[in-house]
């Protein structure tokens, strides 16, 4: 059972589309906030540990940027999939 919020303007026209748009933008904003927290944690906490464990692999710039690009593309696809 889906919950539908019905808003009417002065002429009696439903405005659920605007509410869905604001909800989707809010959802994307929250995901962006959480990804920012994750990026901060990775940069300041996880990356120093990984450079100590795998120093040879992490010195290859193109490999690191390729991994970062792969994660970003997956995240963008997931965000796009959840848009209404």
Protein backbone atom coordinates (compact mmCIF):
# COMPACT_ATOMS: atom_id res chain seq x y z
CA UNK A 1 0.00 0.00 0.00
CA UNK A 2 1.59 3.24 -1.12
CA UNK A 3 1.30 6.43 0.87
CA UNK A 4 0.32 9.36 -1.33
CA UNK A 5 0.28 12.93 -0.13
CA UNK A 6 -2.13 15.14 -2.02
CA UNK A 7 -1.55 18.85 -2.05
CA UNK A 8 -3.89 21.24 -3.80
CA UNK A 9 -3.24 24.77 -4.93
CA UNK A 10 -5.93 27.46 -4.91
CA UNK A 11 -7.63 26.07 -8.04
CA UNK A 12 -7.86 22.49 -6.77
CA UNK A 13 -5.02 21.04 -8.88
CA UNK A 14 -2.97 18.25 -7.34
CA UNK A 15 0.70 19.03 -6.80
CA UNK A 16 2.20 15.67 -5.93
CA UNK A 17 4.83 16.05 -8.67
CA UNK A 18 6.46 18.99 -6.92
CA UNK A 19 6.53 17.08 -3.64
CA UNK A 20 8.17 14.10 -5.34
CA UNK A 21 10.78 16.38 -6.91
CA UNK A 22 11.62 18.00 -3.59
CA UNK A 23 11.77 14.56 -1.96
CA UNK A 24 14.12 13.22 -4.64
CA UNK A 25 16.41 16.25 -4.33
CA UNK A 26 16.42 15.89 -0.55
CA UNK A 27 17.25 12.20 -0.89
CA UNK A 28 20.14 12.96 -3.24
CA UNK A 29 21.34 15.66 -0.84
CA UNK A 30 21.38 13.22 2.06
CA UNK A 31 23.26 10.65 -0.02
CA UNK A 32 25.78 13.33 -1.00
CA UNK A 33 26.23 14.27 2.66
CA UNK A 34 26.86 10.64 3.61
CA UNK A 35 29.29 10.20 0.70
CA UNK A 36 31.18 13.28 1.90
CA UNK A 37 31.51 11.74 5.35
CA UNK A 38 32.71 8.49 3.78
CA UNK A 39 35.26 10.34 1.61
CA UNK A 40 36.59 12.17 4.66
CA UNK A 41 36.93 8.89 6.56
CA UNK A 42 38.65 7.19 3.63
CA UNK A 43 41.08 10.05 3.11
CA UNK A 44 42.08 10.58 6.74
CA UNK A 45 41.65 7.11 8.28
CA UNK A 46 41.62 4.30 5.72
CA UNK A 47 44.09 5.63 3.13
CA UNK A 48 47.07 5.87 5.55
CA UNK A 49 46.43 2.30 6.69
CA UNK A 50 46.15 1.07 3.10
CA UNK A 51 49.39 2.82 2.10
CA UNK A 52 51.19 1.01 4.91
CA UNK A 53 49.74 -2.37 3.96
CA UNK A 54 49.94 -2.03 0.14
CA UNK A 55 52.63 0.57 -0.63
CA UNK A 56 53.44 -0.67 -4.15
CA UNK A 57 49.88 -0.81 -5.41
CA UNK A 58 48.82 2.58 -4.08
CA UNK A 59 51.82 4.35 -5.61
CA UNK A 60 50.48 3.66 -9.11
CA UNK A 61 48.40 6.79 -9.80
CA UNK A 62 46.36 5.49 -12.72
CA UNK A 63 45.28 2.43 -10.71
CA UNK A 64 44.08 4.53 -7.78
CA UNK A 65 42.18 6.95 -10.01
CA UNK A 66 40.66 4.02 -11.87
CA UNK A 67 39.38 2.52 -8.61
CA UNK A 68 37.99 5.90 -7.51
CA UNK A 69 36.30 6.35 -10.90
CA UNK A 70 34.75 2.89 -10.69
CA UNK A 71 33.25 3.65 -7.28
CA UNK A 72 31.96 7.03 -8.43
CA UNK A 73 30.28 5.52 -11.50
CA UNK A 74 28.61 2.83 -9.38
CA UNK A 75 27.37 5.46 -6.93
CA UNK A 76 26.02 7.66 -9.74
CA UNK A 77 24.20 4.68 -11.28
CA UNK A 78 22.64 3.80 -7.93
CA UNK A 79 21.46 7.37 -7.41
CA UNK A 80 19.99 7.45 -10.92
CA UNK A 81 18.24 4.12 -10.33
CA UNK A 82 16.48 5.46 -7.23
CA UNK A 83 15.18 8.63 -8.88
CA UNK A 84 11.41 8.67 -9.34
